[in-house]
Amino acid sequence: MKRLLLFKLIVLCLISTSACSNASSANAAASANTVTPETTTEPSAATEPKSETTPEPSTEPVESISFTTEGTYSLFGVMNEGSLVKSSELEMESNIVLEEGGAGSMSLDNDRIDITKWELTNDTVSITLSDGGQANAKVHDGILDLDLHGDGSMILYYAQENADISGYKFLTLEEVKQKQANKE
């Protein structure tokens, strides 16, 4: 089962990498045009030029949400070679369920594997799968950063319901292709 999950992820990486390496020179030339992300702040009445500084956080009280390690986490992003893409753009669905008592399950698309043991040490969840595979994930504010290979080269980001993922900066697949073309 672990091999099947890894195979799917490797195929996904190969598809992304080959698509990036096949980018035409026209795409490389087009990548010189930069796209500025939309902001959610209201424009000020002043006619000052826009500054590139980070806006001040809101001073309004925000309801605090408390998360437990146990629960269901849904995949929301995949980072490979420093590029973070939304899982929905990759057409991937995955969940990790950490049950009370140290068991659970992990699914990728329609494949499921049991988690025979998980344990929390400081901010790291160590996961052991029924096929003997192991992985570690950093846990913070209802989010798991699962280091798939253990070397930081591919990280799967999972979130519990209501976890704040607004601080993550995602690229589109087209932006990843342009980034790769610029490296060549």
Protein backbone atom coordinates (compact mmCIF):
# COMPACT_ATOMS: atom_id res chain seq x y z
CA MET A 1 0.00 0.00 0.00
CA LYS A 2 2.81 2.40 0.88
CA ARG A 3 4.46 1.61 -2.42
CA LEU A 4 1.24 2.49 -4.23
CA LEU A 5 1.01 5.82 -2.40
CA LEU A 6 4.66 6.58 -3.10
CA PHE A 7 4.23 5.52 -6.72
CA LYS A 8 1.34 7.96 -7.17
CA LEU A 9 3.36 10.79 -5.63
CA ILE A 10 6.42 9.97 -7.73
CA VAL A 11 4.32 9.91 -10.90
CA LEU A 12 2.84 13.27 -9.92
CA CYS A 13 6.34 14.70 -9.37
CA LEU A 14 7.59 13.30 -12.68
CA ILE A 15 4.62 14.75 -14.53
CA SER A 16 5.18 18.15 -12.92
CA THR A 17 8.93 18.05 -13.58
CA SER A 18 8.58 16.90 -17.18
CA ALA A 19 5.93 19.51 -17.85
CA CYS A 20 8.26 22.13 -16.42
CA SER A 21 11.25 21.00 -18.45
CA ASN A 22 9.18 20.98 -21.66
CA ALA A 23 8.27 24.64 -21.31
CA SER A 24 8.83 26.43 -24.60
CA SER A 25 11.07 29.41 -25.01
CA ALA A 26 7.92 31.44 -25.61
CA ASN A 27 6.78 30.56 -22.11
CA ALA A 28 10.19 31.56 -20.81
CA ALA A 29 9.89 34.93 -22.54
CA ALA A 30 6.36 35.35 -21.25
CA SER A 31 7.54 34.62 -17.74
CA ALA A 32 9.41 37.90 -17.72
CA ASN A 33 6.05 39.55 -17.06
CA THR A 34 5.41 39.38 -13.36
CA VAL A 35 1.99 38.96 -11.83
CA THR A 36 1.24 40.85 -8.65
CA PRO A 37 -1.04 39.07 -6.21
CA GLU A 38 -4.34 40.63 -5.25
CA THR A 39 -4.53 42.16 -1.81
CA THR A 40 -7.51 42.16 0.47
CA THR A 41 -6.79 45.52 2.07
CA GLU A 42 -8.87 48.55 1.21
CA PRO A 43 -7.07 51.31 -0.71
CA SER A 44 -6.39 54.38 1.40
CA ALA A 45 -7.80 57.78 0.62
CA ALA A 46 -4.28 59.22 0.55
CA THR A 47 -2.48 59.47 -2.78
CA GLU A 48 0.71 57.96 -1.43
CA PRO A 49 2.37 55.29 -3.58
CA LYS A 50 1.79 51.73 -2.47
CA SER A 51 4.48 50.40 -0.20
CA GLU A 52 5.66 46.81 -0.26
CA THR A 53 5.62 46.52 3.50
CA THR A 54 3.43 44.00 5.25
CA PRO A 55 0.14 45.52 6.42
CA GLU A 56 -0.39 45.89 10.15
CA PRO A 57 -2.40 43.08 11.71
CA SER A 58 -5.94 43.85 12.74
CA THR A 59 -6.36 45.00 16.33
CA GLU A 60 -9.85 43.55 16.54
CA PRO A 61 -10.12 40.55 18.87
CA VAL A 62 -10.00 37.24 17.02
CA GLU A 63 -11.71 34.15 18.36
CA SER A 64 -9.07 31.65 19.39
CA ILE A 65 -9.50 28.12 18.11
CA SER A 66 -7.92 25.33 20.08
CA PHE A 67 -6.87 22.21 18.18
CA THR A 68 -6.05 18.76 19.49
CA THR A 69 -3.65 16.44 17.70
CA GLU A 70 -6.37 13.83 17.30
CA GLY A 71 -8.71 14.38 14.39
CA THR A 72 -9.04 14.40 10.63
CA TYR A 73 -6.57 16.35 8.51
CA SER A 74 -7.22 17.07 4.83
CA LEU A 75 -4.48 17.68 2.26
CA PHE A 76 -4.42 21.29 1.07
CA GLY A 77 -0.96 21.71 -0.43
CA VAL A 78 2.08 19.92 -1.83
CA MET A 79 5.57 21.42 -1.84
CA ASN A 80 8.14 19.96 -4.19
CA GLU A 81 11.52 21.59 -4.92
CA GLY A 82 10.42 24.73 -3.09
CA SER A 83 7.19 25.24 -5.04
CA LEU A 84 3.91 25.02 -3.11
CA VAL A 85 0.81 24.10 -5.13
CA LYS A 86 -2.77 23.58 -3.93
CA SER A 87 -3.73 19.93 -3.82
CA SER A 88 -6.95 20.77 -5.67
CA GLU A 89 -4.91 22.05 -8.63
CA LEU A 90 -3.02 18.74 -8.63
CA GLU A 91 -6.36 16.92 -8.41
CA MET A 92 -5.20 15.07 -5.29
CA GLU A 93 -7.31 14.14 -2.31
CA SER A 94 -5.77 12.80 0.86
CA ASN A 95 -6.71 12.56 4.51
CA ILE A 96 -4.92 11.60 7.67
CA VAL A 97 -7.02 10.46 10.62
CA LEU A 98 -5.25 10.38 13.99
CA GLU A 99 -7.43 8.55 16.48
CA GLU A 100 -7.23 8.68 20.22
CA GLY A 101 -5.04 5.84 21.46
CA GLY A 102 -2.41 6.14 18.73
CA ALA A 103 -4.02 4.48 15.69
CA GLY A 104 -5.59 5.92 12.57
CA SER A 105 -5.51 5.86 8.78
CA MET A 106 -4.13 7.65 5.76
CA SER A 107 -5.77 7.84 2.35
CA LEU A 108 -4.65 9.11 -1.03
CA ASP A 109 -7.37 9.33 -3.64
CA ASN A 110 -9.13 5.95 -3.31
CA ASP A 111 -6.29 4.08 -1.56
CA ARG A 112 -6.24 3.70 2.22
CA ILE A 113 -3.61 2.40 4.63
CA ASP A 114 -3.85 1.96 8.40
CA ILE A 115 -1.72 3.91 10.81
CA THR A 116 -0.70 1.32 13.38
CA LYS A 117 0.94 3.83 15.67
CA TRP A 118 1.35 7.56 16.00
CA GLU A 119 2.85 9.51 18.84
CA LEU A 120 3.46 13.16 19.60
CA THR A 121 6.86 14.28 20.87
CA ASN A 122 7.15 18.06 21.34
CA ASP A 123 5.83 19.39 18.00
CA THR A 124 6.47 16.27 15.90
CA VAL A 125 4.03 13.46 15.16
CA SER A 126 5.78 10.18 14.31
CA ILE A 127 3.58 7.95 12.14
CA THR A 128 4.04 4.22 11.53
CA LEU A 129 1.99 2.63 8.74
CA SER A 130 0.72 -0.97 8.62
CA ASP A 131 3.23 -1.80 5.85
CA GLY A 132 6.12 -0.66 8.07
CA GLY A 133 6.55 2.73 6.44
CA GLN A 134 7.28 5.69 8.68
CA ALA A 135 7.01 9.46 8.39
CA ASN A 136 7.27 12.49 10.63
CA ALA A 137 5.09 15.57 10.59
CA LYS A 138 5.40 18.89 12.37
CA VAL A 139 2.12 19.83 14.01
CA HIS A 140 1.03 23.42 14.70
CA ASP A 141 -2.33 25.19 14.94
CA GLY A 142 -4.32 22.31 13.42
CA ILE A 143 -1.84 21.79 10.56
CA LEU A 144 0.46 18.85 9.81
CA ASP A 145 3.59 19.39 7.68
CA LEU A 146 4.32 15.81 6.58
CA ASP A 147 7.91 15.40 5.35
CA LEU A 148 7.35 12.54 2.93
CA HIS A 149 10.98 11.56 2.32
CA GLY A 150 12.45 12.84 5.58
CA ASP A 151 14.75 15.30 3.81
CA GLY A 152 12.44 18.27 3.19
CA SER A 153 12.32 17.68 -0.58
CA MET A 154 8.58 16.97 -0.60
CA ILE A 155 6.19 18.17 2.07
CA LEU A 156 2.48 17.42 2.17
CA TYR A 157 0.42 19.99 4.09
CA TYR A 158 -2.70 18.79 5.89
CA ALA A 159 -5.17 20.87 7.93
CA GLN A 160 -7.97 20.18 10.34
CA GLU A 161 -11.28 21.88 9.72
CA ASN A 162 -11.12 25.62 10.60
CA ALA A 163 -7.30 25.71 10.61
CA ASP A 164 -5.97 28.97 9.18
CA ILE A 165 -4.05 28.32 5.94
CA SER A 166 -4.20 31.91 4.72
CA GLY A 167 -0.47 32.43 5.37
CA TYR A 168 0.54 29.88 2.73
CA LYS A 169 1.58 31.29 -0.65
CA PHE A 170 0.55 28.94 -3.45
CA LEU A 171 1.75 28.87 -7.03
CA THR A 172 -0.31 27.72 -9.97
CA LEU A 173 1.04 24.93 -12.16
CA GLU A 174 1.71 27.54 -14.85
CA GLU A 175 3.77 29.58 -12.39
CA VAL A 176 5.74 26.46 -11.45
CA LYS A 177 6.45 25.85 -15.16
CA GLN A 178 7.61 29.45 -15.58
CA LYS A 179 9.79 29.21 -12.48
CA GLN A 180 11.38 26.03 -13.81
CA ALA A 181 11.90 27.58 -17.27
CA ASN A 182 13.66 30.56 -15.66
CA LYS A 183 16.08 28.17 -13.91
CA GLU A 184 17.13 26.62 -17.23
